[in-house]
């Protein structure tokens, strides 16, 4: 069993900054990718950013140039630094992790319950 918990969401004015954290715990051999996704009302979950085991990063179009994803492997955690936020960034942000339970079994996905980000004046 693997637990994924997000934190750091809240209310911020346009142009402000916010940092989200994703903490992973439980039984696993190794965490591979850690990603952040946003889901606006009535829409699918869209990629914000993902970081691989060795720090390789991929960003969604809305995040490019404004957000930075990073990870701390000893802490089993990842972070999303969001700068120059605008109202379109509003929504629940979900952390997705891909893990191996052992050295031989296939990769398994886990999701957190989300943390809310609200950008408004």
Protein backbone atom coordinates (compact mmCIF):
# COMPACT_ATOMS: atom_id res chain seq x y z
CA UNK A 1 0.00 0.00 0.00
CA UNK A 2 1.22 3.47 -0.96
CA UNK A 3 -0.09 6.78 0.37
CA UNK A 4 0.17 10.06 -1.53
CA UNK A 5 -0.57 13.33 0.30
CA UNK A 6 -0.55 16.81 -1.21
CA UNK A 7 -0.17 20.06 0.71
CA UNK A 8 0.50 23.74 0.15
CA UNK A 9 -2.64 24.80 -1.64
CA UNK A 10 -4.51 27.94 -0.72
CA UNK A 11 -5.70 31.36 -1.83
CA UNK A 12 -3.37 33.74 -3.65
CA UNK A 13 -3.77 36.97 -5.63
CA UNK A 14 -2.93 37.14 -9.34
CA UNK A 15 0.80 37.47 -9.87
CA UNK A 16 1.58 35.72 -6.61
CA UNK A 17 3.45 32.51 -5.92
CA UNK A 18 2.68 29.23 -4.22
CA UNK A 19 4.57 25.99 -3.54
CA UNK A 20 2.85 22.61 -3.48
CA UNK A 21 4.32 19.51 -1.86
CA UNK A 22 3.70 15.83 -2.52
CA UNK A 23 4.69 13.32 0.15
CA UNK A 24 4.81 9.57 -0.55
CA UNK A 25 4.83 6.84 2.08
CA UNK A 26 4.11 3.11 2.41
CA UNK A 27 5.53 -0.04 0.89
CA UNK A 28 7.44 0.37 -2.34
CA UNK A 29 10.83 -0.40 -3.81
CA UNK A 30 11.35 2.79 -5.77
CA UNK A 31 9.45 5.88 -6.89
CA UNK A 32 9.84 6.57 -10.58
CA UNK A 33 7.86 9.53 -11.99
CA UNK A 34 6.09 12.11 -9.83
CA UNK A 35 3.61 14.39 -11.58
CA UNK A 36 1.18 17.21 -10.89
CA UNK A 37 -2.20 17.44 -12.63
CA UNK A 38 -4.96 20.05 -12.52
CA UNK A 39 -8.67 19.37 -13.05
CA UNK A 40 -10.96 22.35 -13.62
CA UNK A 41 -14.72 21.82 -13.11
CA UNK A 42 -16.18 19.64 -15.86
CA UNK A 43 -12.81 18.87 -17.42
CA UNK A 44 -10.29 16.05 -17.46
CA UNK A 45 -7.11 16.05 -15.47
CA UNK A 46 -4.40 17.85 -17.44
CA UNK A 47 -0.67 17.53 -16.96
CA UNK A 48 1.01 20.44 -15.19
CA UNK A 49 4.47 18.98 -14.67
CA UNK A 50 6.23 15.66 -14.17
CA UNK A 51 9.70 14.82 -12.91
CA UNK A 52 11.48 11.51 -13.42
CA UNK A 53 13.73 9.54 -11.11
CA UNK A 54 16.86 11.37 -12.19
CA UNK A 55 15.35 14.85 -12.30
CA UNK A 56 14.25 15.05 -15.93
CA UNK A 57 11.30 17.44 -16.22
CA UNK A 58 8.31 17.82 -18.53
CA UNK A 59 5.77 20.68 -18.38
CA UNK A 60 2.32 21.30 -19.70
CA UNK A 61 1.88 24.35 -21.92
CA UNK A 62 0.26 26.48 -19.21
CA UNK A 63 3.14 25.82 -16.81
CA UNK A 64 6.09 26.48 -19.11
CA UNK A 65 8.19 29.41 -17.97
CA UNK A 66 6.25 29.90 -14.73
CA UNK A 67 6.32 26.64 -12.76
CA UNK A 68 9.21 24.49 -11.59
CA UNK A 69 8.97 20.88 -10.43
CA UNK A 70 11.62 19.26 -8.27
CA UNK A 71 12.05 16.22 -6.05
CA UNK A 72 13.85 15.17 -2.88
CA UNK A 73 14.44 11.44 -3.11
CA UNK A 74 15.62 10.87 0.50
CA UNK A 75 12.35 12.47 1.69
CA UNK A 76 10.18 10.70 -0.91
CA UNK A 77 8.76 14.07 -1.83
CA UNK A 78 8.25 16.35 -4.81
CA UNK A 79 7.48 20.05 -5.05
CA UNK A 80 5.82 22.38 -7.51
CA UNK A 81 6.88 26.03 -7.34
CA UNK A 82 4.27 28.18 -9.06
CA UNK A 83 5.10 31.78 -9.98
CA UNK A 84 3.08 34.54 -11.65
CA UNK A 85 -0.19 32.78 -10.93
CA UNK A 86 -3.34 33.83 -12.75
CA UNK A 87 -7.04 32.96 -12.30
CA UNK A 88 -6.81 30.29 -15.00
CA UNK A 89 -4.49 28.33 -12.69
CA UNK A 90 -7.35 27.86 -10.22
CA UNK A 91 -8.40 24.30 -9.48
CA UNK A 92 -7.57 21.15 -7.56
CA UNK A 93 -4.03 19.90 -8.03
CA UNK A 94 -3.41 16.17 -7.80
CA UNK A 95 -0.13 14.37 -7.29
CA UNK A 96 0.49 11.20 -9.28
CA UNK A 97 3.30 8.77 -8.49
CA UNK A 98 4.57 5.77 -10.39
CA UNK A 99 6.25 3.16 -8.19
CA UNK A 100 7.79 -0.28 -8.32
CA UNK A 101 6.82 -2.54 -5.41
CA UNK A 102 9.92 -4.66 -6.05
CA UNK A 103 12.74 -5.00 -8.56
CA UNK A 104 10.76 -7.17 -11.00
CA UNK A 105 7.04 -6.26 -10.93
CA UNK A 106 5.59 -3.66 -13.31
CA UNK A 107 5.08 -0.01 -12.44
CA UNK A 108 1.92 0.95 -10.49
CA UNK A 109 0.17 4.35 -10.33
CA UNK A 110 -1.10 6.07 -7.19
CA UNK A 111 -3.01 9.35 -6.79
CA UNK A 112 -3.41 11.76 -3.93
CA UNK A 113 -6.74 13.34 -3.01
CA UNK A 114 -5.68 16.78 -4.20
CA UNK A 115 -5.02 20.24 -2.83
CA UNK A 116 -7.02 23.30 -3.87
CA UNK A 117 -5.42 26.35 -5.47
CA UNK A 118 -7.52 29.50 -5.84
CA UNK A 119 -6.20 32.57 -7.66
CA UNK A 120 -8.38 35.66 -7.32
CA UNK A 121 -8.32 39.32 -6.35
